[in-house]
Amino acid sequence: MAKVADLYEVIGDHALAYVSCAVNPTIYSRIFGRFPKPMKSPYYLCLLKVMTGLPKILRDTGLGSPVEFIFDRQMMEEKSILEAWYSFEEQGFIDKNLVKSSPSFKDDKDVYPLQAGDMLAGRMRNSLGNNELRIIQPVPIPMRPVQKTINGHNFVITEDEIKGLSDFMDRAYQTSITGTLGSQVFMSMNLSVLRMGGA
């Protein structure tokens, strides 16, 4: 715990803010298991939630733009994350004024803030119940109560929100136009039609 306290102190001294997003993977898989990749991954909904909430995040935390997204190297998830990202770009969910480029993937031995993110994510994960998602803001280690509190923004995705996105995607498929070029499959959606339907 003494080492954890030291690490937390470093984060508190240097981090400008944090953003967290939590979703129950069991519920998500039950509702989204019928969809193709990358939508089967909980990263899909978490990334969408962060991207659509980015203007509010920047206002609440006081961070400036443009924002650069750097993910920890995860060979099993990188393709899904990028596929989701390009899908969001195509559908206009990513504000190009706030985010200038697609995410990159780095080793946490080279990009130290990734280690800080892992630590905070681990502490938050320990605060999540099995049946109810609750995010507890990172607070100073009890043995050092004078440490700084790290400010940030939390997203907790409810089962109703997951069902809402599932309904949205059903309408998206119904109003979409698909095509192929070689081995690639493309899909284009009319967002105005979807929003008229209550998305």
Protein backbone atom coordinates (compact mmCIF):
# COMPACT_ATOMS: atom_id res chain seq x y z
CA MET A 1 0.00 0.00 0.00
CA ALA A 2 2.94 2.35 0.60
CA LYS A 3 3.99 1.87 -3.04
CA VAL A 4 0.40 2.43 -4.20
CA ALA A 5 0.31 5.64 -2.18
CA ASP A 6 3.55 6.80 -3.82
CA LEU A 7 2.17 6.06 -7.28
CA TYR A 8 -1.11 7.81 -6.55
CA GLU A 9 0.82 10.86 -5.37
CA VAL A 10 2.70 11.00 -8.69
CA ILE A 11 -0.60 10.83 -10.59
CA GLY A 12 -2.16 13.53 -8.42
CA ASP A 13 0.81 15.83 -9.00
CA HIS A 14 0.84 15.48 -12.79
CA ALA A 15 -2.52 14.31 -14.16
CA LEU A 16 -4.83 17.07 -15.39
CA ALA A 17 -7.98 14.94 -15.18
CA TYR A 18 -9.36 11.47 -15.81
CA VAL A 19 -12.32 10.04 -17.71
CA SER A 20 -13.86 6.67 -16.89
CA CYS A 21 -16.59 4.58 -18.49
CA ALA A 22 -18.10 1.37 -17.10
CA VAL A 23 -20.54 -1.14 -18.52
CA ASN A 24 -21.63 -4.55 -17.25
CA PRO A 25 -20.08 -7.00 -19.80
CA THR A 26 -22.56 -9.79 -19.00
CA ILE A 27 -25.58 -7.61 -19.75
CA TYR A 28 -23.86 -6.11 -22.77
CA SER A 29 -23.03 -9.53 -24.25
CA ARG A 30 -26.60 -10.73 -23.70
CA ILE A 31 -28.07 -7.78 -25.63
CA PHE A 32 -25.36 -7.23 -28.26
CA GLY A 33 -24.28 -10.83 -28.84
CA ARG A 34 -26.43 -11.01 -31.99
CA PHE A 35 -24.57 -8.12 -33.67
CA PRO A 36 -21.40 -8.52 -35.75
CA LYS A 37 -17.97 -7.43 -34.64
CA PRO A 38 -16.84 -4.91 -33.46
CA MET A 39 -20.18 -4.25 -31.74
CA LYS A 40 -19.90 -7.41 -29.65
CA SER A 41 -17.08 -5.85 -27.64
CA PRO A 42 -18.02 -3.65 -24.64
CA TYR A 43 -15.28 -1.30 -25.89
CA TYR A 44 -17.69 -0.35 -28.69
CA LEU A 45 -20.30 1.22 -26.42
CA CYS A 46 -17.74 2.69 -24.01
CA LEU A 47 -15.86 4.36 -26.86
CA LEU A 48 -19.10 5.70 -28.34
CA LYS A 49 -20.14 7.08 -24.94
CA VAL A 50 -16.82 8.88 -24.47
CA MET A 51 -16.76 10.26 -28.02
CA THR A 52 -20.31 11.62 -27.94
CA GLY A 53 -19.70 13.02 -24.46
CA LEU A 54 -16.37 14.63 -25.34
CA PRO A 55 -17.61 18.26 -25.44
CA LYS A 56 -19.07 17.86 -21.95
CA ILE A 57 -15.91 16.13 -20.72
CA LEU A 58 -13.76 19.02 -21.91
CA ARG A 59 -16.08 21.57 -20.29
CA ASP A 60 -16.26 19.70 -16.97
CA THR A 61 -12.55 18.98 -16.67
CA GLY A 62 -11.19 22.19 -18.17
CA LEU A 63 -9.04 20.24 -20.64
CA GLY A 64 -8.28 21.80 -24.01
CA SER A 65 -8.48 20.39 -27.50
CA PRO A 66 -7.55 18.81 -29.80
CA VAL A 67 -7.55 15.51 -27.92
CA GLU A 68 -5.28 12.58 -28.74
CA PHE A 69 -6.37 9.06 -27.79
CA ILE A 70 -3.61 6.59 -26.89
CA PHE A 71 -4.57 3.03 -25.93
CA ASP A 72 -2.50 0.40 -24.19
CA ARG A 73 -1.31 -2.33 -26.55
CA GLN A 74 -4.02 -5.01 -26.63
CA MET A 75 -3.55 -7.28 -29.60
CA MET A 76 -6.98 -8.87 -29.20
CA GLU A 77 -8.84 -5.53 -29.01
CA GLU A 78 -6.95 -3.15 -31.32
CA LYS A 79 -8.78 -4.21 -34.47
CA SER A 80 -12.19 -3.92 -32.80
CA ILE A 81 -11.37 -0.47 -31.41
CA LEU A 82 -10.19 0.83 -34.79
CA GLU A 83 -13.19 -0.66 -36.62
CA ALA A 84 -15.52 1.02 -34.14
CA TRP A 85 -13.61 4.30 -34.44
CA TYR A 86 -13.86 4.39 -38.25
CA SER A 87 -17.54 3.50 -38.04
CA PHE A 88 -18.13 6.43 -35.67
CA GLU A 89 -16.16 8.72 -37.97
CA GLU A 90 -18.25 7.70 -40.97
CA GLN A 91 -21.49 8.32 -39.09
CA GLY A 92 -20.40 11.72 -37.77
CA PHE A 93 -20.11 10.79 -34.08
CA ILE A 94 -16.52 12.10 -33.82
CA ASP A 95 -16.06 15.86 -33.74
CA LYS A 96 -13.10 16.51 -36.06
CA ASN A 97 -12.56 19.89 -34.35
CA LEU A 98 -11.88 18.11 -31.05
CA VAL A 99 -10.16 14.94 -32.31
CA LYS A 100 -7.78 15.32 -35.24
CA SER A 101 -6.58 11.74 -35.70
CA SER A 102 -7.51 8.12 -35.05
CA PRO A 103 -6.21 6.47 -31.85
CA SER A 104 -2.75 5.02 -31.51
CA PHE A 105 -1.58 2.02 -29.47
CA LYS A 106 1.54 2.24 -27.31
CA ASP A 107 3.40 0.16 -24.75
CA ASP A 108 2.82 1.37 -21.18
CA LYS A 109 6.56 1.09 -20.60
CA ASP A 110 6.99 3.93 -23.11
CA VAL A 111 3.92 6.02 -22.27
CA TYR A 112 3.76 6.40 -18.51
CA PRO A 113 0.27 7.94 -18.31
CA LEU A 114 -1.06 4.54 -19.46
CA GLN A 115 0.27 3.07 -16.20
CA ALA A 116 -1.54 5.80 -14.26
CA GLY A 117 -4.73 5.01 -16.15
CA ASP A 118 -4.35 1.30 -15.35
CA MET A 119 -3.97 2.06 -11.66
CA LEU A 120 -7.02 4.31 -11.50
CA ALA A 121 -9.05 1.85 -13.58
CA GLY A 122 -8.07 -0.95 -11.20
CA ARG A 123 -9.20 1.02 -8.17
CA MET A 124 -12.48 1.91 -9.87
CA ARG A 125 -13.06 -1.68 -10.97
CA ASN A 126 -12.73 -2.78 -7.36
CA SER A 127 -15.52 -0.35 -6.45
CA LEU A 128 -17.98 -1.83 -8.96
CA GLY A 129 -20.58 -4.21 -7.57
CA ASN A 130 -21.52 -7.43 -9.34
CA ASN A 131 -25.15 -6.44 -9.85
CA GLU A 132 -25.00 -2.65 -9.82
CA LEU A 133 -22.35 -0.47 -11.43
CA ARG A 134 -21.15 2.25 -9.11
CA ILE A 135 -18.10 4.33 -9.82
CA ILE A 136 -16.32 5.76 -6.83
CA GLN A 137 -14.11 8.71 -7.68
CA PRO A 138 -10.43 8.02 -6.98
CA VAL A 139 -9.59 9.42 -3.58
CA PRO A 140 -6.31 9.72 -1.70
CA ILE A 141 -4.92 6.58 -0.13
CA PRO A 142 -6.14 6.46 3.53
CA MET A 143 -2.59 6.53 4.90
CA ARG A 144 -2.01 9.87 3.12
CA PRO A 145 -5.21 11.91 3.35
CA VAL A 146 -3.43 15.13 2.34
CA GLN A 147 -2.94 13.90 -1.22
CA LYS A 148 -4.68 15.75 -4.01
CA THR A 149 -8.04 14.52 -5.27
CA ILE A 150 -7.95 13.88 -9.02
CA ASN A 151 -10.83 15.51 -10.86
CA GLY A 152 -12.60 13.76 -13.68
CA HIS A 153 -15.77 12.61 -15.37
CA ASN A 154 -17.50 9.24 -14.91
CA PHE A 155 -19.85 7.49 -17.32
CA VAL A 156 -21.86 4.49 -16.08
CA ILE A 157 -23.83 2.82 -18.88
CA THR A 158 -27.13 1.37 -17.70
CA GLU A 159 -29.02 -1.61 -19.09
CA ASP A 160 -31.65 0.76 -20.50
CA GLU A 161 -28.94 2.63 -22.43
CA ILE A 162 -27.60 -0.63 -23.84
CA LYS A 163 -31.11 -1.60 -24.97
CA GLY A 164 -31.56 1.88 -26.46
CA LEU A 165 -28.41 1.54 -28.55
CA SER A 166 -29.49 -1.95 -29.59
CA ASP A 167 -32.80 -0.54 -30.86
CA PHE A 168 -30.88 2.23 -32.62
CA MET A 169 -28.67 -0.31 -34.39
CA ASP A 170 -31.72 -2.33 -35.44
CA ARG A 171 -33.14 0.79 -37.13
CA ALA A 172 -29.70 1.50 -38.59
CA TYR A 173 -29.61 -1.87 -40.32
CA GLN A 174 -33.17 -1.43 -41.59
CA THR A 175 -32.36 1.96 -43.19
CA SER A 176 -28.81 1.18 -44.32
CA ILE A 177 -27.35 0.71 -47.77
CA THR A 178 -24.62 -1.91 -48.05
CA GLY A 179 -22.12 -2.79 -50.74
CA THR A 180 -18.85 -4.59 -51.33
CA LEU A 181 -15.50 -3.72 -52.86
CA GLY A 182 -13.30 -6.76 -53.15
CA SER A 183 -13.43 -8.47 -49.76
CA GLN A 184 -14.53 -5.30 -47.92
CA VAL A 185 -18.17 -4.74 -46.90
CA PHE A 186 -19.40 -1.17 -46.54
CA MET A 187 -22.50 0.20 -44.85
CA SER A 188 -23.98 3.69 -45.04
CA MET A 189 -26.77 4.87 -42.74
CA ASN A 190 -29.15 7.82 -43.02
CA LEU A 191 -28.80 9.36 -39.56
CA SER A 192 -31.62 11.85 -40.21
CA VAL A 193 -34.02 8.96 -40.73
CA LEU A 194 -32.76 7.27 -37.58
CA ARG A 195 -33.14 10.42 -35.47
CA MET A 196 -36.68 10.96 -36.78
CA GLY A 197 -37.34 7.48 -35.43
CA GLY A 198 -36.37 8.59 -31.93
CA ALA A 199 -32.66 7.78 -31.73
